[in-house]
Amino acid sequence: MMFDEQQLQKRQPIWAALSDLWLDTELTDLDLERIARVMADSGLSIEVLREIYLIEVAPVVSPNLLGVAGMWTGFDEQWLCTHRLE
């Protein structure tokens, strides 16, 4: 799926926030509140956010949890955007 610049700018914070759900670490309440705030601030519906999570984010970052020592500090946003668009 190709996105114009405006769509990219709207989605990048969402991709970054949702990718944190796939880190090899336990998220704190503050982490979850931050993720929820990004979702709420996006202005997108729950249905669209769910599609972004399932179709745009999970396929890219889910392999992180398959390794012995997955990424735990956070995904690089540039990497995430690049791989998300492939």
N, C-alpha and C. Protein backbone atom coordinates (compact mmCIF):
# COMPACT_ATOMS: atom_id res chain seq x y z
N MET A 1 0.84 -1.17 0.00
CA MET A 1 0.00 0.00 0.00
C MET A 1 0.89 1.24 0.00
N MET A 2 0.59 2.15 -0.87
CA MET A 2 1.36 3.39 -0.96
C MET A 2 0.59 4.51 -0.26
N PHE A 3 1.35 5.38 0.38
CA PHE A 3 0.76 6.49 1.11
C PHE A 3 1.33 7.79 0.61
N ASP A 4 0.49 8.82 0.56
CA ASP A 4 1.01 10.14 0.23
C ASP A 4 1.67 10.71 1.49
N GLU A 5 2.32 11.85 1.35
CA GLU A 5 3.09 12.43 2.46
C GLU A 5 2.21 12.70 3.68
N GLN A 6 1.01 13.18 3.47
CA GLN A 6 0.11 13.47 4.58
C GLN A 6 -0.27 12.18 5.32
N GLN A 7 -0.56 11.14 4.57
CA GLN A 7 -0.91 9.85 5.19
C GLN A 7 0.29 9.29 5.96
N LEU A 8 1.48 9.43 5.40
CA LEU A 8 2.68 8.96 6.08
C LEU A 8 2.87 9.68 7.41
N GLN A 9 2.73 10.99 7.38
CA GLN A 9 2.91 11.78 8.60
C GLN A 9 1.88 11.40 9.66
N LYS A 10 0.69 11.05 9.24
CA LYS A 10 -0.35 10.65 10.19
C LYS A 10 -0.08 9.24 10.74
N ARG A 11 0.44 8.36 9.88
CA ARG A 11 0.62 6.97 10.28
C ARG A 11 1.92 6.70 11.04
N GLN A 12 2.97 7.43 10.77
CA GLN A 12 4.26 7.13 11.39
C GLN A 12 4.20 7.08 12.91
N PRO A 13 3.58 8.04 13.59
CA PRO A 13 3.51 7.93 15.05
C PRO A 13 2.69 6.71 15.50
N ILE A 14 1.70 6.36 14.71
CA ILE A 14 0.87 5.18 15.04
C ILE A 14 1.70 3.92 14.88
N TRP A 15 2.44 3.82 13.77
CA TRP A 15 3.29 2.65 13.56
C TRP A 15 4.30 2.51 14.70
N ALA A 16 4.92 3.62 15.06
CA ALA A 16 5.93 3.59 16.12
C ALA A 16 5.31 3.16 17.44
N ALA A 17 4.17 3.72 17.77
CA ALA A 17 3.52 3.39 19.04
C ALA A 17 3.08 1.92 19.07
N LEU A 18 2.45 1.47 18.01
CA LEU A 18 1.97 0.09 17.98
C LEU A 18 3.12 -0.91 17.92
N SER A 19 4.23 -0.52 17.33
CA SER A 19 5.37 -1.44 17.27
C SER A 19 5.91 -1.75 18.66
N ASP A 20 5.70 -0.83 19.60
CA ASP A 20 6.16 -1.07 20.97
C ASP A 20 5.48 -2.29 21.60
N LEU A 21 4.30 -2.64 21.10
CA LEU A 21 3.60 -3.82 21.62
C LEU A 21 4.34 -5.11 21.28
N TRP A 22 5.28 -5.03 20.34
CA TRP A 22 6.02 -6.21 19.89
C TRP A 22 7.45 -6.25 20.41
N LEU A 23 7.78 -5.37 21.33
CA LEU A 23 9.11 -5.38 21.91
C LEU A 23 9.25 -6.54 22.89
N ASP A 24 10.46 -7.01 23.03
CA ASP A 24 10.74 -8.12 23.93
C ASP A 24 10.99 -7.57 25.34
N THR A 25 9.98 -6.90 25.86
CA THR A 25 10.06 -6.31 27.19
C THR A 25 8.65 -6.12 27.73
N GLU A 26 8.56 -5.95 29.02
CA GLU A 26 7.26 -5.70 29.63
C GLU A 26 6.97 -4.21 29.59
N LEU A 27 5.83 -3.86 29.04
CA LEU A 27 5.45 -2.46 28.96
C LEU A 27 4.85 -2.01 30.29
N THR A 28 5.14 -0.78 30.65
CA THR A 28 4.60 -0.21 31.89
C THR A 28 3.25 0.43 31.60
N ASP A 29 2.57 0.80 32.66
CA ASP A 29 1.31 1.52 32.50
C ASP A 29 1.53 2.82 31.72
N LEU A 30 2.66 3.48 31.98
CA LEU A 30 2.96 4.72 31.25
C LEU A 30 3.14 4.45 29.76
N ASP A 31 3.79 3.33 29.42
CA ASP A 31 3.94 2.96 28.01
C ASP A 31 2.58 2.76 27.36
N LEU A 32 1.72 2.03 28.04
CA LEU A 32 0.39 1.75 27.49
C LEU A 32 -0.45 3.02 27.37
N GLU A 33 -0.31 3.91 28.34
CA GLU A 33 -1.03 5.19 28.27
C GLU A 33 -0.52 6.03 27.10
N ARG A 34 0.80 6.01 26.86
CA ARG A 34 1.38 6.75 25.74
C ARG A 34 0.86 6.20 24.42
N ILE A 35 0.84 4.88 24.30
CA ILE A 35 0.34 4.24 23.08
C ILE A 35 -1.13 4.61 22.87
N ALA A 36 -1.92 4.53 23.93
CA ALA A 36 -3.34 4.88 23.83
C ALA A 36 -3.52 6.35 23.44
N ARG A 37 -2.67 7.22 23.97
CA ARG A 37 -2.77 8.65 23.66
C ARG A 37 -2.47 8.89 22.17
N VAL A 38 -1.47 8.20 21.64
CA VAL A 38 -1.16 8.34 20.21
C VAL A 38 -2.35 7.90 19.37
N MET A 39 -2.98 6.79 19.77
CA MET A 39 -4.14 6.30 19.03
C MET A 39 -5.28 7.31 19.10
N ALA A 40 -5.55 7.82 20.29
CA ALA A 40 -6.65 8.78 20.46
C ALA A 40 -6.37 10.07 19.70
N ASP A 41 -5.13 10.54 19.76
CA ASP A 41 -4.77 11.79 19.08
C ASP A 41 -4.80 11.67 17.56
N SER A 42 -4.75 10.44 17.06
CA SER A 42 -4.74 10.25 15.60
C SER A 42 -6.06 10.66 14.96
N GLY A 43 -7.14 10.58 15.73
CA GLY A 43 -8.45 10.91 15.18
C GLY A 43 -9.03 9.81 14.30
N LEU A 44 -8.34 8.69 14.20
CA LEU A 44 -8.83 7.58 13.38
C LEU A 44 -9.76 6.69 14.19
N SER A 45 -10.64 6.02 13.50
CA SER A 45 -11.59 5.13 14.17
C SER A 45 -10.87 3.89 14.71
N ILE A 46 -11.50 3.23 15.64
CA ILE A 46 -10.97 1.98 16.19
C ILE A 46 -10.77 0.96 15.06
N GLU A 47 -11.70 0.92 14.13
CA GLU A 47 -11.60 -0.04 13.03
C GLU A 47 -10.35 0.22 12.18
N VAL A 48 -10.10 1.48 11.87
CA VAL A 48 -8.92 1.83 11.07
C VAL A 48 -7.65 1.55 11.86
N LEU A 49 -7.64 1.89 13.13
CA LEU A 49 -6.46 1.62 13.96
C LEU A 49 -6.20 0.12 14.05
N ARG A 50 -7.25 -0.66 14.14
CA ARG A 50 -7.09 -2.12 14.18
C ARG A 50 -6.49 -2.63 12.87
N GLU A 51 -6.95 -2.11 11.75
CA GLU A 51 -6.39 -2.50 10.46
C GLU A 51 -4.92 -2.11 10.35
N ILE A 52 -4.59 -0.92 10.82
CA ILE A 52 -3.18 -0.49 10.81
C ILE A 52 -2.34 -1.46 11.62
N TYR A 53 -2.84 -1.82 12.79
CA TYR A 53 -2.11 -2.76 13.65
C TYR A 53 -1.94 -4.12 12.96
N LEU A 54 -3.03 -4.68 12.47
CA LEU A 54 -3.00 -6.03 11.92
C LEU A 54 -2.33 -6.14 10.55
N ILE A 55 -2.50 -5.12 9.73
CA ILE A 55 -2.04 -5.20 8.34
C ILE A 55 -0.72 -4.46 8.11
N GLU A 56 -0.54 -3.34 8.80
CA GLU A 56 0.62 -2.50 8.52
C GLU A 56 1.76 -2.68 9.53
N VAL A 57 1.44 -3.02 10.77
CA VAL A 57 2.48 -3.07 11.80
C VAL A 57 2.87 -4.51 12.16
N ALA A 58 1.91 -5.31 12.55
CA ALA A 58 2.21 -6.66 13.04
C ALA A 58 3.05 -7.49 12.07
N PRO A 59 2.74 -7.50 10.78
CA PRO A 59 3.55 -8.33 9.88
C PRO A 59 5.03 -7.91 9.82
N VAL A 60 5.30 -6.65 10.08
CA VAL A 60 6.67 -6.14 10.01
C VAL A 60 7.45 -6.44 11.28
N VAL A 61 6.81 -6.29 12.43
CA VAL A 61 7.54 -6.39 13.69
C VAL A 61 7.32 -7.68 14.47
N SER A 62 6.33 -8.47 14.12
CA SER A 62 6.05 -9.69 14.88
C SER A 62 7.22 -10.68 14.90
N PRO A 63 8.04 -10.76 13.85
CA PRO A 63 9.18 -11.68 13.93
C PRO A 63 10.14 -11.36 15.08
N ASN A 64 10.04 -10.16 15.63
CA ASN A 64 10.91 -9.79 16.75
C ASN A 64 10.75 -10.74 17.93
N LEU A 65 9.57 -11.26 18.14
CA LEU A 65 9.34 -12.13 19.29
C LEU A 65 9.71 -13.58 19.01
N LEU A 66 10.15 -13.88 17.81
CA LEU A 66 10.53 -15.25 17.47
C LEU A 66 11.99 -15.54 17.78
N GLY A 67 12.79 -14.50 17.91
CA GLY A 67 14.20 -14.69 18.19
C GLY A 67 14.46 -14.91 19.67
N VAL A 68 15.65 -15.41 19.96
CA VAL A 68 16.03 -15.64 21.36
C VAL A 68 16.12 -14.33 22.12
N ALA A 69 16.72 -13.35 21.50
CA ALA A 69 16.86 -12.03 22.14
C ALA A 69 16.37 -10.98 21.17
N GLY A 70 15.09 -10.71 21.22
CA GLY A 70 14.50 -9.74 20.30
C GLY A 70 14.81 -8.31 20.70
N MET A 71 14.43 -7.41 19.83
CA MET A 71 14.59 -5.98 20.10
C MET A 71 13.79 -5.62 21.34
N TRP A 72 14.40 -4.91 22.25
CA TRP A 72 13.68 -4.54 23.47
C TRP A 72 13.73 -3.06 23.76
N THR A 73 14.57 -2.31 23.04
CA THR A 73 14.69 -0.88 23.32
C THR A 73 13.77 -0.03 22.45
N GLY A 74 13.28 -0.58 21.38
CA GLY A 74 12.41 0.18 20.48
C GLY A 74 12.88 0.04 19.05
N PHE A 75 11.95 0.01 18.14
CA PHE A 75 12.28 -0.09 16.72
C PHE A 75 12.66 1.29 16.19
N ASP A 76 13.66 1.33 15.34
CA ASP A 76 14.04 2.57 14.69
C ASP A 76 12.89 3.00 13.77
N GLU A 77 12.43 4.22 13.93
CA GLU A 77 11.28 4.67 13.15
C GLU A 77 11.56 4.69 11.65
N GLN A 78 12.77 5.03 11.26
CA GLN A 78 13.12 5.03 9.84
C GLN A 78 13.06 3.60 9.29
N TRP A 79 13.61 2.66 10.04
CA TRP A 79 13.56 1.25 9.64
C TRP A 79 12.11 0.79 9.53
N LEU A 80 11.33 1.14 10.53
CA LEU A 80 9.93 0.73 10.56
C LEU A 80 9.19 1.27 9.34
N CYS A 81 9.40 2.52 9.04
CA CYS A 81 8.73 3.13 7.89
C CYS A 81 9.20 2.48 6.59
N THR A 82 10.48 2.28 6.46
CA THR A 82 11.03 1.67 5.24
C THR A 82 10.48 0.26 5.04
N HIS A 83 10.51 -0.54 6.10
CA HIS A 83 10.03 -1.92 5.98
C HIS A 83 8.51 -1.99 5.85
N ARG A 84 7.84 -1.05 6.41
CA ARG A 84 6.38 -1.00 6.33
C ARG A 84 5.95 -0.74 4.89
N LEU A 85 6.76 -0.01 4.15
CA LEU A 85 6.38 0.37 2.79
C LEU A 85 6.85 -0.63 1.74
N GLU A 86 7.57 -1.65 2.14
CA GLU A 86 8.05 -2.64 1.16
C GLU A 86 6.96 -3.59 0.74
